[in-house]
N, C-alpha and C. Protein backbone atom coordinates (compact mmCIF):
# COMPACT_ATOMS: atom_id res chain seq x y z
N MET A 1 0.82 -1.18 0.00
CA MET A 1 0.00 0.00 0.00
C MET A 1 0.87 1.24 0.00
N ASP A 2 1.94 1.21 0.78
CA ASP A 2 2.84 2.36 0.85
C ASP A 2 3.47 2.64 -0.51
N LYS A 3 3.75 1.59 -1.28
CA LYS A 3 4.35 1.77 -2.60
C LYS A 3 3.39 2.51 -3.53
N ILE A 4 2.11 2.21 -3.44
CA ILE A 4 1.11 2.90 -4.26
C ILE A 4 1.06 4.37 -3.88
N LEU A 5 1.06 4.65 -2.59
CA LEU A 5 1.03 6.04 -2.13
C LEU A 5 2.27 6.79 -2.59
N GLU A 6 3.43 6.14 -2.53
CA GLU A 6 4.68 6.76 -2.98
C GLU A 6 4.61 7.04 -4.48
N LEU A 7 4.08 6.10 -5.25
CA LEU A 7 3.95 6.28 -6.69
C LEU A 7 3.03 7.45 -7.00
N LEU A 8 1.92 7.53 -6.32
CA LEU A 8 0.99 8.64 -6.54
C LEU A 8 1.68 9.97 -6.23
N LYS A 9 2.45 10.00 -5.15
CA LYS A 9 3.16 11.23 -4.76
C LYS A 9 4.17 11.61 -5.84
N LYS A 10 4.90 10.62 -6.38
CA LYS A 10 5.87 10.89 -7.44
C LYS A 10 5.18 11.43 -8.69
N LEU A 11 3.95 10.98 -8.92
CA LEU A 11 3.19 11.44 -10.08
C LEU A 11 2.55 12.81 -9.83
N GLY A 12 2.77 13.34 -8.65
CA GLY A 12 2.25 14.67 -8.32
C GLY A 12 0.82 14.65 -7.81
N ILE A 13 0.37 13.51 -7.35
CA ILE A 13 -1.00 13.38 -6.86
C ILE A 13 -0.96 13.33 -5.34
N GLU A 14 -1.44 14.37 -4.73
CA GLU A 14 -1.49 14.44 -3.27
C GLU A 14 -2.87 13.98 -2.82
N LEU A 15 -2.93 13.11 -1.84
CA LEU A 15 -4.19 12.59 -1.34
C LEU A 15 -4.48 13.16 0.04
N THR A 16 -5.76 13.39 0.28
CA THR A 16 -6.17 13.78 1.62
C THR A 16 -6.22 12.53 2.47
N ALA A 17 -6.40 12.70 3.76
CA ALA A 17 -6.48 11.54 4.66
C ALA A 17 -7.67 10.66 4.27
N ASP A 18 -8.79 11.27 3.89
CA ASP A 18 -9.98 10.52 3.50
C ASP A 18 -9.72 9.73 2.22
N GLN A 19 -9.05 10.36 1.26
CA GLN A 19 -8.74 9.68 0.01
C GLN A 19 -7.77 8.52 0.25
N THR A 20 -6.80 8.73 1.13
CA THR A 20 -5.85 7.66 1.47
C THR A 20 -6.60 6.50 2.11
N LYS A 21 -7.55 6.81 2.99
CA LYS A 21 -8.35 5.77 3.64
C LYS A 21 -9.15 4.99 2.59
N GLN A 22 -9.79 5.71 1.64
CA GLN A 22 -10.56 5.06 0.58
C GLN A 22 -9.67 4.15 -0.26
N LEU A 23 -8.48 4.65 -0.59
CA LEU A 23 -7.55 3.86 -1.39
C LEU A 23 -7.14 2.60 -0.65
N LYS A 24 -6.87 2.72 0.65
CA LYS A 24 -6.49 1.55 1.45
C LYS A 24 -7.62 0.54 1.50
N GLU A 25 -8.88 1.00 1.63
CA GLU A 25 -10.02 0.09 1.67
C GLU A 25 -10.14 -0.68 0.37
N VAL A 26 -9.98 0.01 -0.76
CA VAL A 26 -10.07 -0.66 -2.06
C VAL A 26 -8.93 -1.67 -2.19
N ALA A 27 -7.72 -1.27 -1.81
CA ALA A 27 -6.57 -2.17 -1.93
C ALA A 27 -6.75 -3.40 -1.06
N GLU A 28 -7.29 -3.25 0.15
CA GLU A 28 -7.50 -4.39 1.05
C GLU A 28 -8.53 -5.35 0.48
N LYS A 29 -9.54 -4.83 -0.23
CA LYS A 29 -10.59 -5.69 -0.79
C LYS A 29 -10.15 -6.34 -2.09
N GLU A 30 -9.38 -5.64 -2.90
CA GLU A 30 -9.11 -6.08 -4.26
C GLU A 30 -7.77 -6.79 -4.46
N PHE A 31 -6.81 -6.54 -3.59
CA PHE A 31 -5.48 -7.07 -3.82
C PHE A 31 -5.06 -8.00 -2.69
N VAL A 32 -4.31 -8.99 -3.06
CA VAL A 32 -3.76 -9.93 -2.10
C VAL A 32 -2.37 -9.44 -1.73
N SER A 33 -2.06 -9.42 -0.46
CA SER A 33 -0.74 -8.95 -0.04
C SER A 33 0.32 -9.93 -0.52
N ALA A 34 1.53 -9.42 -0.67
CA ALA A 34 2.64 -10.26 -1.11
C ALA A 34 2.86 -11.41 -0.12
N ALA A 35 2.67 -11.13 1.16
CA ALA A 35 2.86 -12.17 2.18
C ALA A 35 1.82 -13.28 2.01
N ASP A 36 0.55 -12.91 1.76
CA ASP A 36 -0.49 -13.92 1.56
C ASP A 36 -0.24 -14.70 0.28
N ALA A 37 0.19 -14.02 -0.77
CA ALA A 37 0.49 -14.70 -2.03
C ALA A 37 1.65 -15.69 -1.84
N ALA A 38 2.64 -15.27 -1.05
CA ALA A 38 3.78 -16.16 -0.79
C ALA A 38 3.34 -17.38 0.01
N LYS A 39 2.45 -17.18 0.99
CA LYS A 39 1.94 -18.31 1.78
C LYS A 39 1.20 -19.29 0.87
N THR A 40 0.35 -18.74 -0.01
CA THR A 40 -0.41 -19.60 -0.92
C THR A 40 0.55 -20.35 -1.85
N ALA A 41 1.55 -19.66 -2.36
CA ALA A 41 2.53 -20.31 -3.24
C ALA A 41 3.27 -21.41 -2.48
N ALA A 42 3.60 -21.15 -1.21
CA ALA A 42 4.29 -22.16 -0.40
C ALA A 42 3.39 -23.38 -0.19
N LYS A 43 2.10 -23.13 0.05
CA LYS A 43 1.16 -24.25 0.23
C LYS A 43 1.07 -25.07 -1.05
N VAL A 44 0.96 -24.39 -2.19
CA VAL A 44 0.87 -25.09 -3.47
C VAL A 44 2.14 -25.89 -3.71
N GLU A 45 3.30 -25.30 -3.40
CA GLU A 45 4.56 -26.01 -3.57
C GLU A 45 4.62 -27.24 -2.67
N GLU A 46 4.17 -27.10 -1.43
CA GLU A 46 4.17 -28.23 -0.50
C GLU A 46 3.23 -29.33 -1.00
N LEU A 47 2.06 -28.94 -1.48
CA LEU A 47 1.11 -29.92 -2.00
C LEU A 47 1.68 -30.62 -3.23
N THR A 48 2.38 -29.88 -4.07
CA THR A 48 3.01 -30.47 -5.25
C THR A 48 4.07 -31.49 -4.83
N LYS A 49 4.84 -31.14 -3.80
CA LYS A 49 5.85 -32.08 -3.30
C LYS A 49 5.19 -33.34 -2.75
N GLN A 50 4.08 -33.15 -2.02
CA GLN A 50 3.38 -34.31 -1.47
C GLN A 50 2.87 -35.21 -2.59
N LEU A 51 2.35 -34.62 -3.64
CA LEU A 51 1.86 -35.42 -4.77
C LEU A 51 3.02 -36.15 -5.45
N ALA A 52 4.17 -35.51 -5.58
CA ALA A 52 5.34 -36.15 -6.18
C ALA A 52 5.79 -37.33 -5.32
N GLU A 53 5.79 -37.15 -3.99
CA GLU A 53 6.15 -38.24 -3.07
C GLU A 53 5.16 -39.40 -3.23
N ARG A 54 3.90 -39.06 -3.33
CA ARG A 54 2.88 -40.09 -3.50
C ARG A 54 3.14 -40.90 -4.75
N ASP A 55 3.42 -40.19 -5.83
CA ASP A 55 3.68 -40.87 -7.10
C ASP A 55 4.90 -41.80 -7.00
N LYS A 56 5.94 -41.33 -6.31
CA LYS A 56 7.13 -42.18 -6.11
C LYS A 56 6.76 -43.43 -5.31
N ASP A 57 5.97 -43.25 -4.23
CA ASP A 57 5.55 -44.39 -3.41
C ASP A 57 4.77 -45.40 -4.25
N LEU A 58 3.87 -44.89 -5.06
CA LEU A 58 3.06 -45.78 -5.89
C LEU A 58 3.92 -46.53 -6.91
N GLU A 59 4.84 -45.85 -7.53
CA GLU A 59 5.72 -46.49 -8.51
C GLU A 59 6.59 -47.56 -7.85
N LYS A 60 7.09 -47.26 -6.67
CA LYS A 60 7.92 -48.23 -5.94
C LYS A 60 7.10 -49.48 -5.60
N LEU A 61 5.88 -49.23 -5.14
CA LEU A 61 5.03 -50.38 -4.80
C LEU A 61 4.68 -51.19 -6.05
N LYS A 62 4.46 -50.52 -7.15
CA LYS A 62 4.16 -51.24 -8.40
C LYS A 62 5.35 -52.11 -8.80
N ALA A 63 6.54 -51.54 -8.69
CA ALA A 63 7.75 -52.29 -9.06
C ALA A 63 7.97 -53.50 -8.14
N ASP A 64 7.65 -53.34 -6.87
CA ASP A 64 7.84 -54.41 -5.90
C ASP A 64 6.63 -55.32 -5.77
N ASN A 65 5.59 -55.03 -6.51
CA ASN A 65 4.32 -55.72 -6.35
C ASN A 65 4.42 -57.19 -6.81
N LYS A 66 4.81 -58.05 -5.88
CA LYS A 66 4.94 -59.47 -6.18
C LYS A 66 4.02 -60.32 -5.31
N SER A 67 3.46 -59.71 -4.29
CA SER A 67 2.65 -60.53 -3.39
C SER A 67 1.28 -59.91 -3.19
N GLU A 68 0.42 -60.70 -2.64
CA GLU A 68 -0.95 -60.26 -2.35
C GLU A 68 -0.96 -59.14 -1.32
N GLU A 69 -0.06 -59.23 -0.34
CA GLU A 69 0.03 -58.20 0.71
C GLU A 69 0.40 -56.85 0.10
N LEU A 70 1.34 -56.85 -0.83
CA LEU A 70 1.73 -55.60 -1.48
C LEU A 70 0.58 -55.03 -2.31
N THR A 71 -0.16 -55.89 -2.95
CA THR A 71 -1.32 -55.44 -3.72
C THR A 71 -2.34 -54.78 -2.80
N LYS A 72 -2.54 -55.36 -1.66
CA LYS A 72 -3.47 -54.80 -0.69
C LYS A 72 -2.97 -53.43 -0.21
N GLN A 73 -1.68 -53.34 0.11
CA GLN A 73 -1.11 -52.07 0.55
C GLN A 73 -1.22 -51.01 -0.54
N LEU A 74 -0.98 -51.43 -1.76
CA LEU A 74 -1.08 -50.51 -2.89
C LEU A 74 -2.50 -49.95 -3.01
N GLU A 75 -3.48 -50.79 -2.89
CA GLU A 75 -4.87 -50.36 -2.99
C GLU A 75 -5.23 -49.42 -1.83
N GLU A 76 -4.74 -49.72 -0.64
CA GLU A 76 -4.99 -48.84 0.51
C GLU A 76 -4.36 -47.48 0.30
N LEU A 77 -3.11 -47.48 -0.20
CA LEU A 77 -2.44 -46.21 -0.47
C LEU A 77 -3.15 -45.42 -1.57
N LYS A 78 -3.59 -46.11 -2.61
CA LYS A 78 -4.33 -45.43 -3.68
C LYS A 78 -5.58 -44.77 -3.12
N ALA A 79 -6.30 -45.49 -2.27
CA ALA A 79 -7.52 -44.93 -1.68
C ALA A 79 -7.19 -43.73 -0.80
N LYS A 80 -6.13 -43.88 0.01
CA LYS A 80 -5.73 -42.77 0.89
C LYS A 80 -5.33 -41.55 0.07
N TYR A 81 -4.49 -41.76 -0.94
CA TYR A 81 -4.02 -40.64 -1.75
C TYR A 81 -5.16 -40.02 -2.55
N LYS A 82 -6.10 -40.85 -3.01
CA LYS A 82 -7.24 -40.29 -3.73
C LYS A 82 -8.06 -39.41 -2.80
N THR A 83 -8.29 -39.87 -1.57
CA THR A 83 -9.03 -39.07 -0.59
C THR A 83 -8.29 -37.77 -0.29
N ASP A 84 -6.97 -37.88 -0.07
CA ASP A 84 -6.16 -36.68 0.20
C ASP A 84 -6.20 -35.71 -0.98
N THR A 85 -6.03 -36.24 -2.19
CA THR A 85 -6.03 -35.41 -3.39
C THR A 85 -7.39 -34.74 -3.58
N ASP A 86 -8.46 -35.50 -3.40
CA ASP A 86 -9.80 -34.92 -3.53
C ASP A 86 -10.02 -33.82 -2.50
N GLY A 87 -9.56 -34.05 -1.28
CA GLY A 87 -9.69 -33.03 -0.23
C GLY A 87 -8.91 -31.78 -0.57
N LEU A 88 -7.69 -31.95 -1.06
CA LEU A 88 -6.86 -30.80 -1.43
C LEU A 88 -7.47 -30.04 -2.61
N ASN A 89 -7.97 -30.79 -3.59
CA ASN A 89 -8.62 -30.15 -4.74
C ASN A 89 -9.86 -29.38 -4.31
N ALA A 90 -10.61 -29.94 -3.37
CA ALA A 90 -11.80 -29.25 -2.86
C ALA A 90 -11.41 -27.97 -2.13
N LYS A 91 -10.32 -28.04 -1.35
CA LYS A 91 -9.85 -26.84 -0.65
C LYS A 91 -9.40 -25.76 -1.64
N LEU A 92 -8.65 -26.17 -2.66
CA LEU A 92 -8.19 -25.21 -3.66
C LEU A 92 -9.37 -24.60 -4.41
N ALA A 93 -10.37 -25.42 -4.75
CA ALA A 93 -11.55 -24.90 -5.44
C ALA A 93 -12.31 -23.94 -4.55
N ALA A 94 -12.42 -24.27 -3.27
CA ALA A 94 -13.10 -23.37 -2.32
C ALA A 94 -12.35 -22.05 -2.19
N MET A 95 -11.02 -22.12 -2.16
CA MET A 95 -10.23 -20.89 -2.08
C MET A 95 -10.45 -20.03 -3.33
N ALA A 96 -10.45 -20.65 -4.49
CA ALA A 96 -10.66 -19.91 -5.74
C ALA A 96 -12.05 -19.29 -5.77
N THR A 97 -13.05 -20.04 -5.32
CA THR A 97 -14.43 -19.53 -5.29
C THR A 97 -14.55 -18.38 -4.31
N ASP A 98 -13.96 -18.53 -3.13
CA ASP A 98 -14.00 -17.45 -2.13
C ASP A 98 -13.32 -16.21 -2.66
N HIS A 99 -12.18 -16.37 -3.31
CA HIS A 99 -11.47 -15.23 -3.87
C HIS A 99 -12.32 -14.54 -4.95
N ALA A 100 -12.96 -15.34 -5.80
CA ALA A 100 -13.81 -14.76 -6.85
C ALA A 100 -14.99 -14.01 -6.24
N ALA A 101 -15.58 -14.56 -5.18
CA ALA A 101 -16.70 -13.88 -4.51
C ALA A 101 -16.22 -12.56 -3.91
N GLU A 102 -15.05 -12.57 -3.27
CA GLU A 102 -14.50 -11.34 -2.70
C GLU A 102 -14.26 -10.30 -3.79
N LYS A 103 -13.74 -10.75 -4.92
CA LYS A 103 -13.49 -9.83 -6.03
C LYS A 103 -14.80 -9.25 -6.55
N LEU A 104 -15.81 -10.09 -6.73
CA LEU A 104 -17.11 -9.62 -7.18
C LEU A 104 -17.69 -8.62 -6.19
N PHE A 105 -17.61 -8.91 -4.93
CA PHE A 105 -18.17 -8.02 -3.90
C PHE A 105 -17.37 -6.72 -3.80
N GLY A 106 -16.11 -6.74 -4.24
CA GLY A 106 -15.31 -5.53 -4.25
C GLY A 106 -15.82 -4.50 -5.25
N GLU A 107 -16.65 -4.94 -6.19
CA GLU A 107 -17.22 -4.03 -7.18
C GLU A 107 -18.39 -3.22 -6.61
N PHE A 108 -18.83 -3.57 -5.41
CA PHE A 108 -19.99 -2.91 -4.82
C PHE A 108 -19.61 -2.26 -3.49
N ASN A 109 -20.21 -1.11 -3.22
CA ASN A 109 -20.00 -0.41 -1.95
C ASN A 109 -21.17 -0.71 -1.04
N PHE A 110 -20.91 -1.40 0.05
CA PHE A 110 -21.96 -1.75 0.99
C PHE A 110 -22.03 -0.71 2.09
N ALA A 111 -23.19 -0.65 2.75
CA ALA A 111 -23.43 0.33 3.80
C ALA A 111 -22.44 0.15 4.95
N SER A 112 -22.07 -1.09 5.24
CA SER A 112 -21.10 -1.36 6.30
C SER A 112 -20.47 -2.72 6.04
N GLU A 113 -19.40 -3.00 6.76
CA GLU A 113 -18.71 -4.29 6.62
C GLU A 113 -19.60 -5.42 7.13
N ARG A 114 -20.36 -5.16 8.18
CA ARG A 114 -21.28 -6.17 8.72
C ARG A 114 -22.33 -6.55 7.68
N VAL A 115 -22.90 -5.54 7.01
CA VAL A 115 -23.91 -5.79 5.96
C VAL A 115 -23.26 -6.56 4.82
N ARG A 116 -22.06 -6.16 4.43
CA ARG A 116 -21.35 -6.83 3.34
C ARG A 116 -21.15 -8.31 3.67
N ASN A 117 -20.69 -8.58 4.89
CA ASN A 117 -20.46 -9.98 5.29
C ASN A 117 -21.76 -10.77 5.30
N SER A 118 -22.83 -10.15 5.73
CA SER A 118 -24.14 -10.81 5.75
C SER A 118 -24.59 -11.15 4.33
N VAL A 119 -24.46 -10.18 3.43
CA VAL A 119 -24.85 -10.40 2.03
C VAL A 119 -23.95 -11.46 1.40
N LEU A 120 -22.66 -11.45 1.75
CA LEU A 120 -21.73 -12.45 1.23
C LEU A 120 -22.14 -13.86 1.66
N GLU A 121 -22.50 -14.02 2.92
CA GLU A 121 -22.95 -15.34 3.41
C GLU A 121 -24.22 -15.78 2.69
N GLU A 122 -25.15 -14.83 2.51
CA GLU A 122 -26.39 -15.15 1.79
C GLU A 122 -26.07 -15.53 0.35
N PHE A 123 -25.15 -14.79 -0.27
CA PHE A 123 -24.72 -15.06 -1.64
C PHE A 123 -24.17 -16.48 -1.75
N LYS A 124 -23.30 -16.85 -0.81
CA LYS A 124 -22.71 -18.18 -0.82
C LYS A 124 -23.77 -19.27 -0.64
N SER A 125 -24.77 -18.99 0.18
CA SER A 125 -25.82 -19.99 0.43
C SER A 125 -26.71 -20.21 -0.79
N LYS A 126 -26.73 -19.26 -1.71
CA LYS A 126 -27.56 -19.38 -2.92
C LYS A 126 -27.00 -20.43 -3.88
N GLY A 127 -25.72 -20.75 -3.73
CA GLY A 127 -25.13 -21.81 -4.55
C GLY A 127 -24.93 -21.43 -6.01
N PHE A 128 -24.55 -20.18 -6.26
CA PHE A 128 -24.29 -19.79 -7.64
C PHE A 128 -23.17 -20.64 -8.23
N LYS A 129 -23.37 -21.07 -9.46
CA LYS A 129 -22.39 -21.91 -10.12
C LYS A 129 -21.21 -21.04 -10.57
N TYR A 130 -20.00 -21.49 -10.25
CA TYR A 130 -18.77 -20.77 -10.59
C TYR A 130 -18.18 -21.40 -11.84
N GLU A 131 -18.22 -20.65 -12.96
CA GLU A 131 -17.71 -21.15 -14.23
C GLU A 131 -16.87 -20.10 -14.91
N ASN A 132 -15.78 -20.51 -15.50
CA ASN A 132 -14.93 -19.63 -16.29
C ASN A 132 -14.56 -18.35 -15.55
N GLY A 133 -14.29 -18.47 -14.26
CA GLY A 133 -13.83 -17.33 -13.47
C GLY A 133 -14.92 -16.37 -13.04
N ALA A 134 -16.19 -16.77 -13.14
CA ALA A 134 -17.29 -15.88 -12.73
C ALA A 134 -18.45 -16.72 -12.20
N PHE A 135 -19.29 -16.07 -11.42
CA PHE A 135 -20.49 -16.72 -10.90
C PHE A 135 -21.63 -16.51 -11.88
N VAL A 136 -22.24 -17.59 -12.33
CA VAL A 136 -23.36 -17.48 -13.25
C VAL A 136 -24.54 -16.85 -12.50
N GLY A 137 -24.90 -15.64 -12.92
CA GLY A 137 -26.01 -14.92 -12.29
C GLY A 137 -25.64 -14.15 -11.04
N GLY A 138 -24.38 -14.21 -10.62
CA GLY A 138 -23.96 -13.57 -9.37
C GLY A 138 -24.05 -12.06 -9.43
N LYS A 139 -23.50 -11.48 -10.48
CA LYS A 139 -23.52 -10.02 -10.60
C LYS A 139 -24.96 -9.53 -10.75
N GLU A 140 -25.76 -10.25 -11.50
CA GLU A 140 -27.15 -9.87 -11.69
C GLU A 140 -27.90 -9.89 -10.35
N TYR A 141 -27.58 -10.89 -9.54
CA TYR A 141 -28.21 -10.99 -8.22
C TYR A 141 -27.90 -9.74 -7.39
N LEU A 142 -26.62 -9.34 -7.39
CA LEU A 142 -26.23 -8.16 -6.62
C LEU A 142 -26.85 -6.88 -7.20
N GLU A 143 -26.94 -6.78 -8.52
CA GLU A 143 -27.57 -5.61 -9.14
C GLU A 143 -29.06 -5.55 -8.76
N GLU A 144 -29.72 -6.71 -8.77
CA GLU A 144 -31.14 -6.75 -8.38
C GLU A 144 -31.29 -6.40 -6.90
N LEU A 145 -30.38 -6.88 -6.07
CA LEU A 145 -30.41 -6.55 -4.65
C LEU A 145 -30.23 -5.05 -4.45
N LYS A 146 -29.39 -4.46 -5.27
CA LYS A 146 -29.14 -3.01 -5.20
C LYS A 146 -30.43 -2.24 -5.49
N LYS A 147 -31.25 -2.77 -6.41
CA LYS A 147 -32.52 -2.12 -6.74
C LYS A 147 -33.57 -2.39 -5.67
N SER A 148 -33.66 -3.64 -5.20
CA SER A 148 -34.72 -4.01 -4.27
C SER A 148 -34.43 -3.59 -2.83
N GLU A 149 -33.16 -3.53 -2.46
CA GLU A 149 -32.79 -3.15 -1.10
C GLU A 149 -31.65 -2.14 -1.13
N PRO A 150 -31.92 -0.92 -1.56
CA PRO A 150 -30.85 0.07 -1.72
C PRO A 150 -30.13 0.43 -0.42
N ASP A 151 -30.79 0.25 0.72
CA ASP A 151 -30.15 0.60 1.99
C ASP A 151 -28.99 -0.33 2.33
N VAL A 152 -28.89 -1.47 1.65
CA VAL A 152 -27.80 -2.40 1.88
C VAL A 152 -26.48 -1.80 1.36
N PHE A 153 -26.60 -0.89 0.41
CA PHE A 153 -25.42 -0.32 -0.23
C PHE A 153 -25.18 1.10 0.25
N ALA A 154 -23.90 1.50 0.19
CA ALA A 154 -23.53 2.86 0.60
C ALA A 154 -24.10 3.85 -0.40
N LYS A 155 -24.47 4.99 0.10
CA LYS A 155 -24.97 6.05 -0.77
C LYS A 155 -23.79 6.57 -1.59
N GLU A 156 -24.01 6.75 -2.87
CA GLU A 156 -22.95 7.22 -3.74
C GLU A 156 -22.80 8.72 -3.60
N ALA A 157 -21.56 9.15 -3.41
CA ALA A 157 -21.26 10.57 -3.28
C ALA A 157 -20.64 11.06 -4.59
N PRO A 158 -20.78 12.34 -4.90
CA PRO A 158 -20.16 12.85 -6.13
C PRO A 158 -18.65 12.70 -6.06
N GLY A 159 -18.00 12.66 -7.23
CA GLY A 159 -16.57 12.42 -7.35
C GLY A 159 -15.72 13.07 -6.28
N LEU A 160 -15.18 12.27 -5.41
CA LEU A 160 -14.39 12.78 -4.30
C LEU A 160 -12.90 12.63 -4.51
N PHE A 161 -12.51 11.90 -5.53
CA PHE A 161 -11.10 11.52 -5.57
C PHE A 161 -10.30 12.34 -6.55
N MET A 162 -10.31 12.01 -7.82
CA MET A 162 -9.41 12.66 -8.75
C MET A 162 -10.11 13.54 -9.78
N GLY A 163 -11.42 13.65 -9.73
CA GLY A 163 -12.16 14.37 -10.76
C GLY A 163 -11.65 15.76 -11.02
N SER A 164 -11.23 16.47 -10.00
CA SER A 164 -10.81 17.84 -10.19
C SER A 164 -9.34 17.97 -10.56
N THR A 165 -8.55 16.95 -10.33
CA THR A 165 -7.12 17.06 -10.61
C THR A 165 -6.70 16.35 -11.88
N GLN A 166 -7.51 15.48 -12.39
CA GLN A 166 -7.16 14.73 -13.59
C GLN A 166 -8.19 15.02 -14.68
N GLY A 167 -7.73 15.55 -15.77
CA GLY A 167 -8.63 15.93 -16.85
C GLY A 167 -9.25 14.75 -17.56
N ASN A 168 -8.62 13.59 -17.53
CA ASN A 168 -9.15 12.45 -18.27
C ASN A 168 -10.09 11.59 -17.44
N VAL A 169 -10.44 12.02 -16.23
CA VAL A 169 -11.40 11.30 -15.40
C VAL A 169 -12.66 12.13 -15.37
N SER A 170 -13.78 11.54 -15.73
CA SER A 170 -15.02 12.31 -15.79
C SER A 170 -15.41 12.80 -14.40
N ALA A 171 -16.03 13.96 -14.37
CA ALA A 171 -16.40 14.58 -13.10
C ALA A 171 -17.47 13.77 -12.39
N ASP A 172 -18.22 12.95 -13.12
CA ASP A 172 -19.27 12.17 -12.47
C ASP A 172 -18.78 10.80 -12.04
N ALA A 173 -17.48 10.56 -12.09
CA ALA A 173 -16.94 9.25 -11.69
C ALA A 173 -17.07 9.10 -10.18
N ASN A 174 -17.94 8.20 -9.74
CA ASN A 174 -18.17 8.00 -8.31
C ASN A 174 -17.39 6.82 -7.77
N ASN A 175 -17.03 5.92 -8.60
CA ASN A 175 -16.36 4.71 -8.18
C ASN A 175 -14.87 4.97 -8.01
N LEU A 176 -14.38 4.81 -6.81
CA LEU A 176 -12.98 5.08 -6.48
C LEU A 176 -12.04 4.27 -7.37
N GLU A 177 -12.37 3.01 -7.60
CA GLU A 177 -11.51 2.17 -8.42
C GLU A 177 -11.43 2.71 -9.84
N SER A 178 -12.57 3.12 -10.42
CA SER A 178 -12.57 3.68 -11.76
C SER A 178 -11.76 4.97 -11.81
N GLN A 179 -11.85 5.75 -10.75
CA GLN A 179 -11.10 6.99 -10.70
C GLN A 179 -9.60 6.72 -10.65
N ILE A 180 -9.20 5.71 -9.88
CA ILE A 180 -7.77 5.38 -9.80
C ILE A 180 -7.27 4.92 -11.16
N PHE A 181 -8.00 4.00 -11.80
CA PHE A 181 -7.60 3.53 -13.11
C PHE A 181 -7.55 4.70 -14.09
N GLY A 182 -8.58 5.54 -14.06
CA GLY A 182 -8.62 6.69 -14.95
C GLY A 182 -7.49 7.66 -14.70
N GLY A 183 -7.12 7.83 -13.45
CA GLY A 183 -6.02 8.71 -13.09
C GLY A 183 -4.69 8.26 -13.69
N PHE A 184 -4.58 6.96 -13.93
CA PHE A 184 -3.36 6.43 -14.54
C PHE A 184 -3.54 6.22 -16.04
N GLY A 185 -4.67 6.68 -16.57
CA GLY A 185 -4.92 6.55 -18.00
C GLY A 185 -5.30 5.15 -18.42
N LEU A 186 -5.83 4.34 -17.49
CA LEU A 186 -6.23 2.97 -17.79
C LEU A 186 -7.74 2.87 -17.76
N LYS A 187 -8.24 1.88 -18.44
CA LYS A 187 -9.68 1.64 -18.46
C LYS A 187 -10.00 0.49 -17.53
N ASN A 188 -10.95 0.70 -16.64
CA ASN A 188 -11.38 -0.33 -15.68
C ASN A 188 -12.38 -1.23 -16.38
N ASN A 189 -12.24 -2.56 -16.19
CA ASN A 189 -13.17 -3.51 -16.84
C ASN A 189 -14.52 -3.32 -16.29
């Protein structure tokens, strides 16, 4: 976060305390810290090592497989490794789904963190299908919720961030993320 603030300062963009707070909130919701990414990479590396060890064990047993006892042990190990692999795959899929839900929810401003967490739990309970990096019907659900229950979402304020200092950001830009991208001359998806 400090690197982003330093970059903005070098670019001649001075932020107020409120703008800095808004930027930190967006960064906390949208970006994974280097430490968390390193932990995840370490977990993936450890799991990869475990799978490689498993494969070595299975190959050794296959090579030594001369008796009924070894066949039995091989089948037990296969079952154990399949269970372990399925569990790890389920955990990885759950992590990817949770991350995608967090990213989707980062596109919306909720009235409070408590409300956001409540809506997130409700969203998860709906069982939206996660395909090709997105929830089928997820964004539409949140847009409909925004119409049917507007108090769940924060009231939008007129451009508070870069509208007056950056000519290429429209004055009606209310979304902090869009303003940041626009301030750097980038288009937000």
